[in-house]
N, C-alpha and C. Protein backbone atom coordinates (compact mmCIF):
# COMPACT_ATOMS: atom_id res chain seq x y z
N MET A 1 0.86 -1.18 0.00
CA MET A 1 0.00 0.00 0.00
C MET A 1 0.90 1.24 0.00
N ALA A 2 0.62 2.12 -0.89
CA ALA A 2 1.43 3.32 -1.03
C ALA A 2 1.13 4.30 0.11
N ASP A 3 2.06 5.23 0.31
CA ASP A 3 1.88 6.21 1.39
C ASP A 3 0.64 7.06 1.18
N TRP A 4 0.38 7.47 -0.03
CA TRP A 4 -0.79 8.32 -0.27
C TRP A 4 -2.09 7.56 0.01
N GLU A 5 -2.07 6.24 -0.23
CA GLU A 5 -3.27 5.45 0.05
C GLU A 5 -3.53 5.36 1.57
N ILE A 6 -2.46 5.24 2.31
CA ILE A 6 -2.61 5.21 3.77
C ILE A 6 -3.20 6.53 4.26
N TRP A 7 -2.70 7.65 3.72
CA TRP A 7 -3.22 8.96 4.13
C TRP A 7 -4.67 9.14 3.71
N VAL A 8 -5.04 8.62 2.56
CA VAL A 8 -6.44 8.69 2.12
C VAL A 8 -7.33 7.89 3.06
N VAL A 9 -6.86 6.69 3.45
CA VAL A 9 -7.65 5.87 4.38
C VAL A 9 -7.79 6.57 5.72
N ILE A 10 -6.70 7.16 6.22
CA ILE A 10 -6.77 7.89 7.48
C ILE A 10 -7.74 9.07 7.38
N GLY A 11 -7.68 9.80 6.27
CA GLY A 11 -8.59 10.93 6.07
C GLY A 11 -10.05 10.50 5.99
N VAL A 12 -10.32 9.42 5.28
CA VAL A 12 -11.69 8.92 5.16
C VAL A 12 -12.19 8.45 6.52
N LEU A 13 -11.34 7.76 7.29
CA LEU A 13 -11.75 7.32 8.61
C LEU A 13 -12.00 8.50 9.54
N CYS A 14 -11.21 9.56 9.43
CA CYS A 14 -11.44 10.76 10.24
C CYS A 14 -12.78 11.39 9.90
N VAL A 15 -13.09 11.50 8.62
CA VAL A 15 -14.36 12.08 8.21
C VAL A 15 -15.53 11.21 8.66
N ALA A 16 -15.38 9.89 8.51
CA ALA A 16 -16.46 8.98 8.92
C ALA A 16 -16.67 9.05 10.42
N THR A 17 -15.59 9.11 11.19
CA THR A 17 -15.73 9.19 12.65
C THR A 17 -16.38 10.50 13.06
N ALA A 18 -15.93 11.60 12.48
CA ALA A 18 -16.51 12.90 12.82
C ALA A 18 -17.98 12.97 12.41
N ALA A 19 -18.33 12.40 11.25
CA ALA A 19 -19.72 12.45 10.79
C ALA A 19 -20.63 11.64 11.69
N THR A 20 -20.19 10.45 12.10
CA THR A 20 -21.06 9.63 12.94
C THR A 20 -21.18 10.19 14.35
N ARG A 21 -20.12 10.77 14.87
CA ARG A 21 -20.18 11.29 16.24
C ARG A 21 -20.87 12.65 16.32
N SER A 22 -20.83 13.42 15.26
CA SER A 22 -21.47 14.73 15.32
C SER A 22 -22.88 14.73 14.75
N SER A 23 -23.33 13.61 14.20
CA SER A 23 -24.65 13.59 13.58
C SER A 23 -25.76 13.87 14.59
N PHE A 24 -25.57 13.43 15.83
CA PHE A 24 -26.61 13.68 16.82
C PHE A 24 -26.73 15.17 17.14
N TRP A 25 -25.60 15.88 17.11
CA TRP A 25 -25.68 17.31 17.36
C TRP A 25 -26.18 18.08 16.15
N LEU A 26 -25.83 17.60 14.96
CA LEU A 26 -26.22 18.32 13.76
C LEU A 26 -27.69 18.13 13.39
N ILE A 27 -28.20 16.91 13.49
CA ILE A 27 -29.58 16.66 13.08
C ILE A 27 -30.43 16.11 14.21
N GLY A 28 -29.88 16.06 15.41
CA GLY A 28 -30.59 15.46 16.52
C GLY A 28 -31.88 16.15 16.87
N HIS A 29 -31.93 17.48 16.76
CA HIS A 29 -33.15 18.20 17.11
C HIS A 29 -34.24 18.06 16.05
N ARG A 30 -33.87 17.58 14.86
CA ARG A 30 -34.86 17.42 13.79
C ARG A 30 -35.49 16.02 13.79
N VAL A 31 -34.88 15.12 14.48
CA VAL A 31 -35.37 13.74 14.54
C VAL A 31 -36.06 13.53 15.88
N SER A 32 -37.29 13.06 15.80
CA SER A 32 -38.00 12.77 17.04
C SER A 32 -38.05 11.26 17.25
N ILE A 33 -37.68 10.88 18.44
CA ILE A 33 -37.68 9.46 18.78
C ILE A 33 -38.99 9.17 19.50
N PRO A 34 -39.71 8.14 19.08
CA PRO A 34 -40.98 7.81 19.75
C PRO A 34 -40.76 7.51 21.23
N PRO A 35 -41.74 7.83 22.05
CA PRO A 35 -41.59 7.60 23.50
C PRO A 35 -41.29 6.15 23.87
N ARG A 36 -41.86 5.21 23.10
CA ARG A 36 -41.60 3.79 23.40
C ARG A 36 -40.13 3.46 23.18
N VAL A 37 -39.53 4.01 22.11
CA VAL A 37 -38.12 3.75 21.83
C VAL A 37 -37.26 4.43 22.90
N GLN A 38 -37.65 5.64 23.31
CA GLN A 38 -36.91 6.32 24.39
C GLN A 38 -36.96 5.50 25.66
N GLU A 39 -38.12 4.90 25.94
CA GLU A 39 -38.24 4.08 27.14
C GLU A 39 -37.33 2.86 27.05
N MET A 40 -37.23 2.25 25.86
CA MET A 40 -36.36 1.09 25.69
C MET A 40 -34.89 1.49 25.78
N LEU A 41 -34.54 2.67 25.29
CA LEU A 41 -33.14 3.10 25.32
C LEU A 41 -32.66 3.40 26.74
N ARG A 42 -33.57 3.59 27.68
CA ARG A 42 -33.17 3.82 29.06
C ARG A 42 -32.44 2.62 29.63
N TYR A 43 -32.73 1.43 29.11
CA TYR A 43 -32.12 0.20 29.63
C TYR A 43 -30.86 -0.19 28.87
N ALA A 44 -30.50 0.54 27.84
CA ALA A 44 -29.33 0.19 27.04
C ALA A 44 -28.03 0.21 27.84
N PRO A 45 -27.76 1.22 28.68
CA PRO A 45 -26.50 1.18 29.44
C PRO A 45 -26.43 -0.01 30.38
N ALA A 46 -27.54 -0.34 31.05
CA ALA A 46 -27.53 -1.48 31.97
C ALA A 46 -27.29 -2.78 31.20
N CYS A 47 -27.90 -2.90 30.04
CA CYS A 47 -27.71 -4.11 29.22
C CYS A 47 -26.27 -4.21 28.73
N ALA A 48 -25.69 -3.09 28.32
CA ALA A 48 -24.30 -3.10 27.86
C ALA A 48 -23.37 -3.46 29.01
N LEU A 49 -23.64 -2.92 30.19
CA LEU A 49 -22.81 -3.24 31.34
C LEU A 49 -22.92 -4.72 31.71
N ALA A 50 -24.12 -5.26 31.67
CA ALA A 50 -24.30 -6.68 31.97
C ALA A 50 -23.59 -7.55 30.92
N ALA A 51 -23.63 -7.13 29.68
CA ALA A 51 -22.96 -7.90 28.63
C ALA A 51 -21.44 -7.87 28.79
N ILE A 52 -20.93 -6.83 29.39
CA ILE A 52 -19.48 -6.75 29.61
C ILE A 52 -19.09 -7.53 30.87
N ILE A 53 -19.87 -7.36 31.93
CA ILE A 53 -19.51 -7.95 33.22
C ILE A 53 -19.84 -9.44 33.29
N GLY A 54 -20.96 -9.85 32.71
CA GLY A 54 -21.40 -11.24 32.80
C GLY A 54 -20.35 -12.25 32.38
N PRO A 55 -19.79 -12.13 31.20
CA PRO A 55 -18.77 -13.10 30.81
C PRO A 55 -17.54 -13.07 31.70
N ASP A 56 -17.20 -11.90 32.23
CA ASP A 56 -16.04 -11.82 33.10
C ASP A 56 -16.27 -12.57 34.41
N PHE A 57 -17.50 -12.59 34.89
CA PHE A 57 -17.82 -13.33 36.11
C PHE A 57 -17.80 -14.84 35.88
N LEU A 58 -18.27 -15.27 34.73
CA LEU A 58 -18.57 -16.68 34.55
C LEU A 58 -17.57 -17.48 33.73
N ILE A 59 -16.73 -16.82 32.97
CA ILE A 59 -15.83 -17.54 32.07
C ILE A 59 -14.42 -17.53 32.65
N ASP A 60 -13.82 -18.71 32.73
CA ASP A 60 -12.45 -18.81 33.25
C ASP A 60 -11.45 -18.47 32.15
N PRO A 61 -10.18 -18.35 32.50
CA PRO A 61 -9.18 -17.99 31.48
C PRO A 61 -9.07 -18.97 30.33
N GLN A 62 -9.49 -20.23 30.55
CA GLN A 62 -9.41 -21.21 29.46
C GLN A 62 -10.63 -21.14 28.54
N GLY A 63 -11.62 -20.34 28.88
CA GLY A 63 -12.79 -20.16 28.04
C GLY A 63 -14.00 -20.98 28.44
N GLY A 64 -13.90 -21.74 29.50
CA GLY A 64 -15.03 -22.54 29.97
C GLY A 64 -15.84 -21.82 31.03
N LEU A 65 -17.08 -22.28 31.20
CA LEU A 65 -17.92 -21.71 32.25
C LEU A 65 -17.47 -22.22 33.61
N GLN A 66 -17.49 -21.35 34.59
CA GLN A 66 -17.05 -21.72 35.93
C GLN A 66 -18.11 -21.28 36.94
N PHE A 67 -19.00 -22.21 37.32
CA PHE A 67 -20.05 -21.94 38.29
C PHE A 67 -19.71 -22.51 39.66
N THR A 68 -18.45 -22.67 39.96
CA THR A 68 -18.05 -23.30 41.21
C THR A 68 -17.72 -22.25 42.27
N LEU A 69 -17.54 -22.74 43.51
CA LEU A 69 -17.15 -21.84 44.60
C LEU A 69 -15.68 -21.43 44.48
N ALA A 70 -14.95 -22.01 43.57
CA ALA A 70 -13.56 -21.63 43.36
C ALA A 70 -13.43 -20.41 42.45
N ASN A 71 -14.54 -19.83 42.02
CA ASN A 71 -14.53 -18.66 41.16
C ASN A 71 -14.68 -17.41 42.04
N PRO A 72 -13.58 -16.73 42.35
CA PRO A 72 -13.68 -15.57 43.23
C PRO A 72 -14.45 -14.40 42.61
N LYS A 73 -14.44 -14.28 41.30
CA LYS A 73 -15.18 -13.18 40.66
C LYS A 73 -16.68 -13.37 40.85
N LEU A 74 -17.15 -14.58 40.67
CA LEU A 74 -18.57 -14.86 40.82
C LEU A 74 -19.01 -14.64 42.27
N LEU A 75 -18.22 -15.15 43.21
CA LEU A 75 -18.57 -14.99 44.63
C LEU A 75 -18.54 -13.51 45.03
N ALA A 76 -17.54 -12.79 44.59
CA ALA A 76 -17.48 -11.36 44.92
C ALA A 76 -18.63 -10.59 44.27
N GLY A 77 -19.00 -10.97 43.06
CA GLY A 77 -20.13 -10.32 42.41
C GLY A 77 -21.43 -10.58 43.13
N LEU A 78 -21.63 -11.82 43.56
CA LEU A 78 -22.85 -12.14 44.31
C LEU A 78 -22.87 -11.42 45.66
N ALA A 79 -21.72 -11.36 46.31
CA ALA A 79 -21.64 -10.64 47.59
C ALA A 79 -21.90 -9.15 47.38
N ALA A 80 -21.36 -8.59 46.31
CA ALA A 80 -21.58 -7.17 46.03
C ALA A 80 -23.05 -6.91 45.70
N PHE A 81 -23.67 -7.82 44.96
CA PHE A 81 -25.09 -7.66 44.65
C PHE A 81 -25.94 -7.69 45.93
N ALA A 82 -25.64 -8.63 46.82
CA ALA A 82 -26.37 -8.71 48.09
C ALA A 82 -26.14 -7.45 48.92
N PHE A 83 -24.91 -6.95 48.90
CA PHE A 83 -24.61 -5.72 49.65
C PHE A 83 -25.38 -4.54 49.07
N TYR A 84 -25.46 -4.48 47.74
CA TYR A 84 -26.20 -3.37 47.12
C TYR A 84 -27.69 -3.44 47.46
N VAL A 85 -28.24 -4.63 47.44
CA VAL A 85 -29.66 -4.77 47.80
C VAL A 85 -29.89 -4.32 49.24
N TRP A 86 -28.93 -4.61 50.09
CA TRP A 86 -29.07 -4.25 51.51
C TRP A 86 -28.86 -2.76 51.74
N ARG A 87 -27.79 -2.16 51.14
CA ARG A 87 -27.42 -0.78 51.47
C ARG A 87 -27.86 0.25 50.44
N ARG A 88 -28.03 -0.13 49.18
CA ARG A 88 -28.42 0.79 48.09
C ARG A 88 -27.43 1.94 47.94
N ASN A 89 -26.15 1.64 48.05
CA ASN A 89 -25.12 2.65 47.90
C ASN A 89 -24.08 2.12 46.92
N MET A 90 -23.95 2.76 45.77
CA MET A 90 -23.09 2.25 44.70
C MET A 90 -21.62 2.30 45.08
N LEU A 91 -21.17 3.38 45.69
CA LEU A 91 -19.75 3.49 46.04
C LEU A 91 -19.36 2.44 47.07
N LEU A 92 -20.18 2.28 48.10
CA LEU A 92 -19.89 1.25 49.10
C LEU A 92 -19.95 -0.15 48.50
N THR A 93 -20.85 -0.34 47.54
CA THR A 93 -20.94 -1.65 46.88
C THR A 93 -19.67 -1.96 46.11
N ILE A 94 -19.15 -0.99 45.42
CA ILE A 94 -17.90 -1.20 44.67
C ILE A 94 -16.76 -1.52 45.64
N LEU A 95 -16.67 -0.75 46.71
CA LEU A 95 -15.62 -1.01 47.70
C LEU A 95 -15.79 -2.38 48.34
N PHE A 96 -17.01 -2.72 48.71
CA PHE A 96 -17.27 -4.02 49.32
C PHE A 96 -16.92 -5.16 48.36
N GLY A 97 -17.33 -5.04 47.11
CA GLY A 97 -17.03 -6.07 46.13
C GLY A 97 -15.53 -6.24 45.91
N MET A 98 -14.80 -5.13 45.87
CA MET A 98 -13.35 -5.20 45.69
C MET A 98 -12.68 -5.83 46.90
N ILE A 99 -13.17 -5.48 48.09
CA ILE A 99 -12.59 -6.08 49.30
C ILE A 99 -12.85 -7.59 49.33
N VAL A 100 -14.07 -7.99 49.03
CA VAL A 100 -14.39 -9.43 49.02
C VAL A 100 -13.55 -10.16 47.97
N PHE A 101 -13.46 -9.57 46.78
CA PHE A 101 -12.68 -10.19 45.72
C PHE A 101 -11.21 -10.32 46.11
N THR A 102 -10.66 -9.26 46.72
CA THR A 102 -9.26 -9.31 47.14
C THR A 102 -9.05 -10.36 48.22
N LEU A 103 -9.96 -10.40 49.20
CA LEU A 103 -9.84 -11.41 50.26
C LEU A 103 -9.93 -12.83 49.70
N LEU A 104 -10.86 -13.04 48.78
CA LEU A 104 -10.99 -14.38 48.19
C LEU A 104 -9.74 -14.78 47.42
N ARG A 105 -9.18 -13.83 46.70
CA ARG A 105 -7.95 -14.14 45.95
C ARG A 105 -6.79 -14.40 46.88
N VAL A 106 -6.67 -13.59 47.94
CA VAL A 106 -5.58 -13.81 48.89
C VAL A 106 -5.76 -15.16 49.58
N LEU A 107 -6.98 -15.47 50.00
CA LEU A 107 -7.22 -16.76 50.64
C LEU A 107 -6.96 -17.90 49.68
N HIS A 108 -7.33 -17.72 48.41
CA HIS A 108 -7.09 -18.77 47.41
C HIS A 108 -5.60 -18.96 47.18
N VAL A 109 -4.86 -17.87 47.13
CA VAL A 109 -3.41 -17.96 46.89
C VAL A 109 -2.74 -18.65 48.06
N PHE A 110 -3.10 -18.25 49.28
CA PHE A 110 -2.47 -18.89 50.43
C PHE A 110 -3.00 -20.30 50.65
N GLY A 111 -4.25 -20.55 50.27
CA GLY A 111 -4.80 -21.89 50.43
C GLY A 111 -4.29 -22.86 49.40
N ALA A 112 -3.86 -22.38 48.22
CA ALA A 112 -3.41 -23.25 47.15
C ALA A 112 -1.98 -23.75 47.36
N THR A 113 -1.19 -23.04 48.19
CA THR A 113 0.20 -23.49 48.38
C THR A 113 0.24 -24.65 49.38
N PRO A 114 1.05 -25.67 49.09
CA PRO A 114 1.10 -26.83 50.00
C PRO A 114 1.90 -26.52 51.25
């Protein structure tokens, strides 16, 4: 690929990125989204977050599902969920989940050595 072709590709990608990211500001006020679609879009961030976090909780490094008590991520996630239901505080939930996860990993590391 010649140098000028690389620069053309970079330029086209810059224009495409700017056009897609600025389209909401440029024509957003002219497009009306139906209330039902707006209601459905309210759940999009939660769904995206679940899609990111779910596999991290359940899939081990080898790619298999791990529903056992030896999975510290799953246990810490369940503990954090229970803590959130009890306290309804997101910052404390994050801290609690990280503390539980760290303790489980430390206990696993020290428990795994003979």
